[in-house]
Protein backbone atom coordinates (compact mmCIF):
# COMPACT_ATOMS: atom_id res chain seq x y z
CA MET A 1 -0.10 -0.10 0.08
CA ARG A 2 2.84 2.24 0.56
CA LYS A 3 3.80 1.78 -3.04
CA LEU A 4 0.49 2.80 -4.22
CA SER A 5 0.62 6.08 -1.94
CA TRP A 6 3.96 6.71 -3.39
CA LYS A 7 2.74 6.26 -7.00
CA LEU A 8 -0.37 8.46 -6.36
CA GLY A 9 1.56 10.95 -4.52
CA MET A 10 4.22 11.00 -7.58
CA LEU A 11 1.47 11.33 -9.94
CA PHE A 12 -0.59 14.14 -8.31
CA PHE A 13 3.09 16.00 -7.71
CA ALA A 14 4.00 15.59 -11.37
CA PHE A 15 0.41 16.95 -12.66
CA VAL A 16 0.15 19.72 -9.88
CA LEU A 17 3.73 20.96 -10.82
CA ALA A 18 3.26 21.27 -14.29
CA ILE A 19 0.19 23.26 -13.89
CA GLU A 20 2.06 25.30 -11.39
CA MET A 21 5.01 25.76 -13.74
CA VAL A 22 2.50 26.82 -16.56
CA LEU A 23 0.86 29.43 -14.41
CA PHE A 24 4.21 30.74 -12.86
CA VAL A 25 5.82 31.31 -16.19
CA SER A 26 2.70 32.86 -17.66
CA LEU A 27 2.21 35.19 -14.77
CA TYR A 28 5.78 35.83 -14.51
CA ALA A 29 5.95 36.88 -18.51
CA THR A 30 2.88 38.78 -18.20
CA LEU A 31 3.91 40.74 -15.06
CA VAL A 32 7.51 41.61 -16.55
CA HIS A 33 5.93 42.75 -19.84
CA ALA A 34 3.32 44.83 -17.81
CA ARG A 35 6.09 46.50 -16.00
CA ILE A 36 8.45 47.15 -18.79
CA GLU A 37 5.24 48.57 -21.03
CA GLU A 38 4.69 50.73 -18.03
CA GLU A 39 8.31 52.19 -17.69
CA PHE A 40 8.24 52.80 -21.57
CA ALA A 41 4.74 54.60 -20.96
CA GLN A 42 6.37 56.67 -18.11
CA LEU A 43 9.44 57.76 -20.22
CA LEU A 44 7.18 58.68 -23.19
CA ALA A 45 4.73 60.79 -20.85
CA ARG A 46 7.86 62.45 -19.56
CA GLY A 47 9.20 63.44 -22.69
CA ASN A 48 5.62 64.60 -24.06
CA SER A 49 5.53 66.81 -20.68
CA HIS A 50 8.77 68.52 -21.80
CA ARG A 51 7.76 68.90 -24.98
CA ASN A 52 4.69 70.64 -24.26
CA VAL A 53 6.50 73.02 -22.04
CA LEU A 54 8.89 73.84 -25.00
CA GLU A 55 6.13 74.48 -27.34
CA LYS A 56 4.84 77.28 -25.04
CA ASN A 57 8.43 78.87 -24.18
CA TYR A 58 11.03 77.54 -26.69
CA ASP A 59 14.03 79.47 -25.72
CA ARG A 60 17.46 79.05 -23.83
CA THR A 61 16.39 79.37 -20.38
CA THR A 62 13.27 76.93 -20.64
CA LEU A 63 15.84 74.43 -22.64
CA ALA A 64 18.28 74.68 -19.25
CA HIS A 65 15.20 74.14 -17.18
CA VAL A 66 14.24 71.15 -18.85
CA VAL A 67 17.75 69.67 -18.71
CA MET A 68 18.11 70.81 -14.93
CA MET A 69 14.92 68.95 -14.29
CA GLU A 70 16.51 65.75 -15.68
CA SER A 71 19.54 66.30 -13.81
CA GLU A 72 17.66 65.58 -10.50
CA ALA A 73 15.55 62.53 -12.17
CA GLU A 74 16.62 59.04 -12.83
CA THR A 75 16.06 59.90 -16.50
CA ASP A 76 18.29 61.72 -19.09
CA VAL A 77 16.98 64.31 -22.03
CA ALA A 78 18.59 65.22 -25.00
CA ILE A 79 16.92 68.39 -27.12
CA THR A 80 17.57 68.54 -30.75
CA ASP A 81 16.49 71.10 -33.36
CA ALA A 82 14.79 69.97 -36.52
CA ARG A 83 18.01 68.36 -38.21
CA ARG A 84 18.39 66.27 -35.48
CA ARG A 85 21.44 68.26 -33.78
CA ILE A 86 21.87 68.40 -29.98
CA VAL A 87 21.16 71.87 -28.67
CA SER A 88 21.11 70.86 -24.94
CA ALA A 89 21.36 67.64 -23.00
CA SER A 90 22.14 66.11 -19.48
CA SER A 91 25.59 65.49 -19.15
CA GLY A 92 26.79 61.88 -19.48
CA ILE A 93 24.01 61.10 -22.22
CA VAL A 94 25.60 62.70 -25.10
CA PRO A 95 27.69 59.65 -26.19
CA PHE A 96 24.83 57.33 -26.14
CA ALA A 97 22.55 60.43 -27.79
CA LYS A 98 25.03 60.70 -30.68
CA ARG A 99 24.84 57.04 -31.71
CA LEU A 100 21.33 56.73 -31.27
CA ILE A 101 19.57 60.05 -32.89
CA PRO A 102 20.83 59.72 -36.43
CA LEU A 103 19.27 56.32 -36.34
CA THR A 104 15.93 58.04 -36.22
CA ASN A 105 16.56 59.98 -39.35
CA GLY A 106 14.12 59.73 -42.02
CA ARG A 107 11.67 58.30 -39.44
CA HIS A 108 8.11 59.66 -39.25
CA ILE A 109 7.54 60.97 -35.44
CA PRO A 110 3.86 60.95 -34.31
CA ARG A 111 2.76 63.80 -32.34
CA ARG A 112 2.10 61.42 -29.46
CA GLY A 113 5.68 60.43 -29.65
CA MET A 114 7.31 56.86 -29.94
CA MET A 115 9.99 54.53 -28.55
CA VAL A 116 13.12 54.55 -30.34
CA GLU A 117 15.10 51.99 -28.13
CA THR A 118 13.56 49.34 -26.43
CA ASP A 119 16.00 46.52 -26.06
CA TRP A 120 16.49 46.88 -22.55
CA LYS A 121 18.27 43.57 -21.93
CA ARG A 122 21.11 44.54 -24.17
CA ALA A 123 21.22 48.47 -24.71
CA SER A 124 22.44 50.71 -22.06
CA HIS A 125 19.56 52.76 -22.24
CA ILE A 126 15.87 52.67 -23.50
CA ALA A 127 14.77 55.93 -25.36
CA ALA A 128 11.75 57.78 -26.48
CA VAL A 129 11.36 60.97 -29.01
CA SER A 130 8.62 63.59 -28.98
CA PRO A 131 8.44 66.22 -31.73
CA ILE A 132 8.21 69.96 -30.73
CA GLN A 133 5.72 71.21 -33.10
CA ILE A 134 5.11 75.26 -33.05
CA ARG A 135 2.59 76.75 -35.19
CA GLY A 136 2.57 73.45 -37.17
CA GLU A 137 6.12 73.42 -37.89
CA THR A 138 8.73 71.07 -36.47
CA ARG A 139 11.13 73.01 -34.36
CA GLY A 140 12.99 69.88 -32.95
CA TYR A 141 12.46 66.75 -30.88
CA VAL A 142 12.64 65.88 -27.03
CA TYR A 143 14.68 62.59 -26.63
CA MET A 144 14.15 60.90 -23.21
CA PHE A 145 16.60 58.15 -21.88
CA GLN A 146 16.70 55.64 -18.98
CA ASP A 147 19.16 53.55 -17.72
CA THR A 148 18.14 49.64 -18.39
CA ARG A 149 20.19 48.96 -15.35
CA SER A 150 17.10 49.75 -13.04
CA ILE A 151 14.59 47.73 -15.39
CA ARG A 152 17.25 44.76 -15.29
CA THR A 153 17.20 45.28 -11.31
CA MET A 154 13.36 45.25 -11.24
CA VAL A 155 13.24 42.35 -13.30
CA TYR A 156 15.72 40.38 -11.09
CA LYS A 157 13.77 41.09 -8.08
CA LEU A 158 10.73 40.22 -9.69
CA LYS A 159 12.38 36.93 -10.80
CA HIS A 160 13.67 36.44 -7.36
CA HIS A 161 10.37 36.70 -5.62
CA PHE A 162 8.80 34.38 -8.24
CA ILE A 163 11.54 31.50 -7.36
CA VAL A 164 10.84 32.06 -3.62
CA VAL A 165 7.10 32.00 -4.06
CA GLY A 166 7.41 28.81 -6.31
CA VAL A 167 9.78 27.02 -3.77
CA LEU A 168 7.21 27.65 -1.27
CA SER A 169 4.53 26.61 -3.54
CA VAL A 170 6.35 23.54 -4.36
CA ALA A 171 7.14 22.56 -0.62
CA ILE A 172 3.16 23.15 0.17
CA THR A 173 2.34 21.19 -2.71
CA VAL A 174 4.49 18.18 -1.53
CA LEU A 175 3.13 18.44 2.03
CA THR A 176 -0.31 18.48 0.88
CA ILE A 177 0.14 15.99 -1.74
CA ALA A 178 1.73 13.60 0.87
CA PHE A 179 -1.03 14.34 3.44
CA PHE A 180 -3.90 13.84 1.03
CA SER A 181 -2.36 10.52 -0.54
CA ARG A 182 -1.94 9.11 2.75
CA ALA A 183 -5.54 9.95 3.68
CA ILE A 184 -6.84 8.39 0.44
CA THR A 185 -4.40 5.10 0.82
CA MET A 186 -5.26 4.81 4.54
CA PRO A 187 -8.82 3.31 4.06
CA LEU A 188 -7.24 1.12 1.19
CA LEU A 189 -4.72 -0.24 3.76
CA ARG A 190 -7.29 -0.78 6.21
CA MET A 191 -9.54 -2.59 3.96
CA LYS A 192 -6.57 -4.66 2.48
CA GLN A 193 -5.60 -5.80 6.03
CA ALA A 194 -9.43 -6.67 6.48
CA THR A 195 -9.42 -8.72 3.34
CA GLU A 196 -5.98 -10.48 4.47
CA ALA A 197 -7.79 -11.40 7.83
CA LEU A 198 -10.82 -12.59 6.00
CA SER A 199 -8.56 -14.78 3.83
CA ARG A 200 -7.14 -16.44 7.10
CA GLY A 201 -10.67 -17.33 8.43
CA ASP A 202 -10.53 -14.40 10.89
CA PHE A 203 -14.32 -12.36 10.60
CA SER A 204 -14.09 -10.23 13.40
CA VAL A 205 -12.87 -7.26 11.28
CA ARG A 206 -14.30 -3.93 11.83
CA LEU A 207 -14.07 -1.15 9.14
CA GLU A 208 -15.39 2.32 10.27
CA MET A 209 -16.00 4.36 7.11
CA LYS A 210 -16.97 7.72 7.07
CA GLY A 211 -18.65 9.69 4.26
CA ASN A 212 -20.75 8.42 1.06
CA ASP A 213 -17.94 8.01 -1.63
CA GLU A 214 -16.77 4.89 -3.51
CA LEU A 215 -14.10 4.14 -0.80
CA ALA A 216 -16.73 4.33 1.92
CA GLN A 217 -19.09 2.46 -0.12
CA LEU A 218 -16.44 -0.30 -0.53
CA GLY A 219 -15.25 -0.35 3.07
CA ARG A 220 -19.10 -0.96 4.12
CA ALA A 221 -19.48 -3.86 1.49
CA ILE A 222 -16.29 -5.65 2.76
CA GLN A 223 -17.69 -5.01 6.56
CA THR A 224 -20.90 -6.47 5.27
CA LEU A 225 -19.20 -9.56 3.68
CA ALA A 226 -17.02 -10.21 7.03
CA ASN A 227 -20.51 -9.83 9.15
CA ASP A 228 -22.20 -12.43 6.32
CA LEU A 229 -19.23 -14.64 6.61
CA ALA A 230 -19.27 -14.44 10.35
CA TYR A 231 -22.81 -15.25 10.31
CA LEU A 232 -22.29 -18.18 7.91
CA LYS A 233 -19.69 -19.47 10.12
CA GLN A 234 -21.76 -19.37 13.17
CA GLU A 235 -24.81 -20.88 11.49
CA ARG A 236 -22.81 -23.60 10.08
CA SER A 237 -21.64 -24.64 13.47
CA GLU A 238 -25.04 -24.08 14.77
CA PHE A 239 -26.32 -26.58 11.74
CA LEU A 240 -23.75 -29.33 12.56
CA ALA A 241 -24.69 -28.99 16.27
CA SER A 242 -28.32 -29.15 15.23
CA ILE A 243 -27.96 -32.15 12.95
CA SER A 244 -25.98 -34.15 15.20
CA HIS A 245 -28.53 -33.47 18.06
CA GLU A 246 -31.39 -34.37 15.86
CA LEU A 247 -29.73 -37.51 14.40
CA ARG A 248 -28.39 -38.88 17.75
CA THR A 249 -31.89 -38.81 19.71
CA PRO A 250 -33.45 -41.12 17.12
CA LEU A 251 -30.35 -43.30 16.41
CA THR A 252 -30.02 -43.91 20.07
CA TYR A 253 -33.77 -45.23 20.28
CA VAL A 254 -33.15 -47.29 17.17
CA LYS A 255 -29.81 -48.71 18.62
CA GLY A 256 -31.27 -49.11 22.12
CA TYR A 257 -34.63 -51.15 21.15
CA ALA A 258 -32.73 -53.05 18.54
CA ASP A 259 -30.55 -54.21 21.37
CA ILE A 260 -33.77 -55.09 23.16
CA ALA A 261 -35.31 -56.67 20.49
CA ARG A 262 -32.63 -59.25 19.95
CA ARG A 263 -32.90 -60.47 23.30
CA PRO A 264 -34.14 -64.34 22.95
CA HIS A 265 -36.46 -64.45 26.07
CA LEU A 266 -38.95 -61.67 24.57
CA SER A 267 -42.39 -62.37 23.49
CA GLU A 268 -43.51 -61.85 19.99
CA GLU A 269 -45.67 -58.97 21.45
CA GLN A 270 -43.00 -57.17 23.11
CA ARG A 271 -40.49 -57.69 19.99
CA ALA A 272 -43.22 -56.21 17.57
CA ASN A 273 -43.66 -53.38 20.04
CA TYR A 274 -39.96 -52.78 19.97
CA MET A 275 -39.73 -53.27 16.24
CA ALA A 276 -42.58 -50.43 15.54
CA ILE A 277 -40.52 -47.92 17.72
CA ILE A 278 -37.66 -48.98 15.70
CA TYR A 279 -39.51 -48.22 12.48
CA GLU A 280 -41.04 -45.05 13.66
CA GLU A 281 -37.63 -43.72 14.46
CA ALA A 282 -36.28 -44.89 11.21
CA GLU A 283 -39.07 -42.98 9.65
CA LYS A 284 -38.17 -39.84 11.28
CA ILE A 285 -34.66 -40.06 10.35
CA GLU A 286 -35.61 -40.84 6.63
CA LYS A 287 -37.66 -37.53 6.76
CA MET A 288 -35.32 -35.67 8.16
CA VAL A 289 -32.56 -36.73 5.68
CA LYS A 290 -34.94 -35.85 2.83
CA ASP A 291 -35.92 -32.43 4.09
CA LEU A 292 -32.30 -32.01 4.59
CA PHE A 293 -31.55 -32.86 0.70
CA GLU A 294 -34.56 -30.73 -0.05
CA LEU A 295 -33.27 -27.71 1.56
CA ALA A 296 -29.82 -28.21 0.19
CA LYS A 297 -31.46 -28.38 -3.46
CA LEU A 298 -33.63 -25.29 -2.84
CA GLU A 299 -30.54 -23.04 -1.30
CA GLN A 300 -28.09 -24.18 -4.32
CA HIS A 301 -31.06 -23.42 -7.01
CA SER A 302 -30.76 -27.07 -8.62
CA PHE A 303 -34.32 -27.39 -8.52
CA GLN A 304 -36.86 -26.49 -11.13
CA ILE A 305 -39.91 -24.16 -10.24
CA GLU A 306 -42.56 -25.23 -12.79
CA LYS A 307 -45.25 -22.53 -12.69
CA GLN A 308 -48.50 -22.81 -14.04
CA PRO A 309 -51.80 -20.54 -14.03
CA THR A 310 -53.81 -21.76 -11.05
CA ASN A 311 -57.19 -20.87 -9.22
CA LEU A 312 -55.71 -20.17 -6.00
CA CYS A 313 -59.23 -20.69 -4.29
CA SER A 314 -59.92 -23.83 -5.68
CA PHE A 315 -56.30 -25.20 -4.83
CA LEU A 316 -56.49 -24.08 -1.27
CA THR A 317 -60.03 -25.30 -0.90
CA LYS A 318 -59.09 -28.86 -2.10
CA LEU A 319 -55.77 -28.88 0.30
CA CYS A 320 -58.00 -27.90 3.22
CA GLU A 321 -60.39 -30.70 2.69
CA LYS A 322 -57.64 -33.13 2.53
CA LEU A 323 -56.02 -32.00 5.67
CA ARG A 324 -59.39 -31.52 7.54
CA PRO A 325 -59.25 -35.03 9.09
CA ALA A 326 -55.90 -34.39 10.85
CA PHE A 327 -57.44 -31.15 12.48
CA GLN A 328 -60.28 -32.65 13.75
CA GLU A 329 -58.10 -35.23 15.43
CA LYS A 330 -57.18 -32.61 17.59
CA SER A 331 -60.60 -30.89 17.88
CA LEU A 332 -59.71 -28.12 15.49
CA SER A 333 -61.64 -26.49 12.68
CA LEU A 334 -60.01 -25.57 9.33
CA VAL A 335 -61.80 -22.93 7.36
CA CYS A 336 -60.54 -21.56 3.90
CA GLN A 337 -61.82 -17.90 2.99
CA CYS A 338 -61.00 -16.80 -0.62
CA PRO A 339 -62.94 -14.18 -2.50
CA GLY A 340 -63.94 -15.98 -5.66
CA SER A 341 -61.37 -16.69 -8.49
CA VAL A 342 -57.90 -15.48 -7.59
CA MET A 343 -55.51 -16.73 -10.02
CA ALA A 344 -51.60 -17.34 -9.22
CA ALA A 345 -48.72 -18.54 -11.05
CA ILE A 346 -47.53 -21.51 -8.96
CA ASP A 347 -45.62 -24.98 -8.83
CA ARG A 348 -48.39 -26.75 -7.57
CA GLN A 349 -46.68 -29.49 -5.90
CA ARG A 350 -43.85 -27.21 -4.25
CA PHE A 351 -46.63 -24.76 -3.13
CA GLU A 352 -48.71 -27.26 -1.55
CA GLN A 353 -45.20 -28.36 0.13
CA VAL A 354 -45.31 -25.02 1.60
CA MET A 355 -49.19 -24.97 2.79
CA ILE A 356 -48.74 -28.25 4.22
CA ASN A 357 -45.49 -27.27 6.48
CA VAL A 358 -47.44 -23.99 7.62
CA LEU A 359 -50.54 -25.67 8.35
CA ASP A 360 -49.02 -28.62 10.37
CA ASN A 361 -47.21 -25.96 12.69
CA ALA A 362 -50.76 -24.28 13.20
CA ARG A 363 -52.15 -27.79 13.91
CA LYS A 364 -49.43 -28.62 16.51
CA TYR A 365 -49.63 -25.01 18.63
CA ALA A 366 -53.29 -24.39 18.31
CA PHE A 367 -55.31 -24.65 21.23
CA SER A 368 -58.03 -27.52 21.28
CA GLY A 369 -61.47 -26.58 20.18
CA THR A 370 -59.96 -23.32 18.23
CA THR A 371 -60.11 -22.44 14.68
CA VAL A 372 -57.13 -22.44 12.23
CA ALA A 373 -57.97 -20.18 9.21
CA VAL A 374 -56.64 -19.64 5.73
CA ALA A 375 -57.55 -16.36 3.90
CA VAL A 376 -56.72 -15.08 0.58
CA HIS A 377 -56.55 -11.22 0.31
CA LEU A 378 -56.03 -8.87 -2.87
CA GLN A 379 -53.50 -6.11 -1.67
CA LYS A 380 -51.32 -3.84 -3.76
CA GLN A 381 -48.15 -5.71 -3.17
CA GLY A 382 -49.75 -8.82 -4.54
CA ILE A 383 -51.83 -12.03 -3.06
CA VAL A 384 -51.64 -12.50 0.64
CA ILE A 385 -52.39 -15.70 1.93
CA ALA A 386 -52.84 -15.67 5.72
CA VAL A 387 -52.58 -18.80 8.10
CA SER A 388 -53.93 -17.93 11.37
CA ASP A 389 -54.40 -20.05 14.65
CA GLU A 390 -55.41 -19.50 18.11
CA GLY A 391 -52.57 -20.91 20.15
CA THR A 392 -49.52 -20.40 22.30
CA GLY A 393 -47.84 -17.93 19.99
CA ILE A 394 -44.29 -16.98 19.66
CA PRO A 395 -42.15 -14.72 21.78
CA PRO A 396 -41.07 -11.41 20.06
CA GLU A 397 -37.39 -12.18 20.02
CA ASP A 398 -38.07 -15.41 18.20
CA VAL A 399 -40.24 -14.16 15.51
CA PRO A 400 -37.62 -13.27 13.20
CA ARG A 401 -35.76 -16.54 13.48
CA ILE A 402 -38.55 -19.06 13.08
CA PHE A 403 -37.90 -19.41 9.38
CA GLU A 404 -34.17 -20.72 10.12
CA ARG A 405 -32.86 -24.21 9.79
CA PHE A 406 -33.46 -26.03 13.20
CA TYR A 407 -34.74 -23.09 14.79
CA ARG A 408 -37.24 -23.86 17.61
CA VAL A 409 -38.99 -21.83 19.78
CA ASP A 410 -38.94 -24.57 22.30
CA LYS A 411 -35.42 -24.74 23.43
CA SER A 412 -35.92 -27.92 25.23
CA ARG A 413 -36.17 -29.47 22.04
CA SER A 414 -39.12 -31.82 23.25
CA ARG A 415 -39.51 -34.86 20.82
CA THR A 416 -43.16 -34.04 21.19
CA SER A 417 -43.13 -30.50 20.36
CA GLY A 418 -42.44 -30.75 16.74
CA GLY A 419 -40.64 -32.15 13.86
CA THR A 420 -37.10 -31.37 12.24
CA GLY A 421 -37.12 -27.68 12.61
CA LEU A 422 -36.78 -27.66 8.80
CA GLY A 423 -40.31 -27.09 7.71
CA LEU A 424 -40.46 -23.21 7.71
CA ALA A 425 -37.05 -22.93 6.42
CA ILE A 426 -37.83 -25.18 3.32
CA ALA A 427 -41.35 -23.08 2.86
CA LYS A 428 -39.21 -19.82 2.76
CA GLU A 429 -37.03 -21.02 0.11
CA ILE A 430 -39.85 -22.02 -1.93
CA VAL A 431 -42.05 -18.96 -1.72
CA GLU A 432 -38.74 -16.93 -2.45
CA ALA A 433 -38.55 -18.88 -5.62
CA HIS A 434 -41.82 -18.21 -6.64
CA GLY A 435 -40.84 -14.25 -6.29
CA GLY A 436 -42.80 -13.89 -2.95
CA THR A 437 -42.14 -13.32 0.76
CA ILE A 438 -43.16 -15.15 3.73
CA ALA A 439 -43.43 -13.44 7.15
CA ALA A 440 -44.86 -14.25 10.72
CA ARG A 441 -46.75 -12.18 13.16
CA SER A 442 -47.39 -13.42 16.60
CA GLU A 443 -48.94 -12.66 20.16
CA GLN A 444 -47.99 -14.78 23.00
CA GLY A 445 -51.24 -16.66 24.06
CA LYS A 446 -53.29 -15.30 21.28
CA GLY A 447 -51.75 -16.98 18.41
CA THR A 448 -49.83 -16.79 15.27
CA THR A 449 -50.27 -15.80 11.59
CA ILE A 450 -48.09 -16.63 8.63
CA LEU A 451 -47.98 -14.03 5.59
CA ILE A 452 -47.40 -15.46 2.55
CA THR A 453 -47.17 -12.94 -0.63
CA LEU A 454 -47.20 -14.00 -4.16
CA PRO A 455 -47.11 -11.67 -7.31
CA GLU A 456 -50.14 -11.70 -9.13
CA GLY A 457 -50.36 -13.88 -12.48
């Protein structure tokens, strides 16, 4: 993960550095150009100002006054006649002026003036010229000069400031990228450690992810996976314990009564009684194994659901007629309430297994002399089949778990209190294979209602 952090950091750094370089170079070039243009404009404006004074009073006194003013400034001046001959100039500028002024011969000088030397990098001075016009006649020119060392000094200082700011920006960028790349990769590192723990069979990982971005969603998905694997591990242990317990009891009876039945002094009546018990327990083992195979096929989706349009009212009425004698043995009434013709696409054999499992539970736990009702309702979510009994009910903490394999509300696992604990689990798988849902509603001492919802069709 450190390699990923390093790669991300270097990638971000290269990208940000390239942007900073482009921005800094552009800004530097723009500022330098603007400052130099400002120097040119100031020099030209100063020359135009002297030109305006001379146009009002073109005499030796004014000429001397102009030259005296420039002697106190950083600029120099040279004033020529119309033929470009120097008539007055600042001391020290004359040699450069004599080389530059002849180069302007024959050039048209506009009223606003113009720059005649702009090479501040190589020349010793930059220069501007403004024409002196009196009554429409050009009487001479004002040449203004400025030493380029001041411009180069200004540009150097500007470059120095940019370098300092650039170095600071790069340092801040490096620190920022290091922080953010670590902040990005730390959740990935925790997820990597979590997946390694999962691969070792340690499902106790805990990933606390904040936010709702893709990394947080991935972390929550890994946490969900860890929770599911931990649940499956616990369920597998409970399943093995449950099936061992469920098989051990009838096998103990089979072995014990088989040993007794082998005794030679037993009467035929006693031997027949023991053999009947052995047969009964063998049937229970066979049913349990059959249910386990059935549940395994359902969970692996290796079974076929062959749906066909079915009149649900007719189907449930016939089923209730078939099961009614078993209910009457326990002094229970079994009624079926269905509003006319309700059509549903079901696998009749599989769905009959669902209803038998649910009704068998209702028969076992309903109070003697009460009614077990099967009612069909058409609602927005689909067709709802409610199987209600008036019996012992289920404790609230047990209601969400009654569809789990081998789960029994009766923790004592009495042999008289029910079957294998697989019936409702099988019913749940079949109903969900039909695209429906199954749920329970119960109140202790008043009864339980199983709600099966199927899509209309």
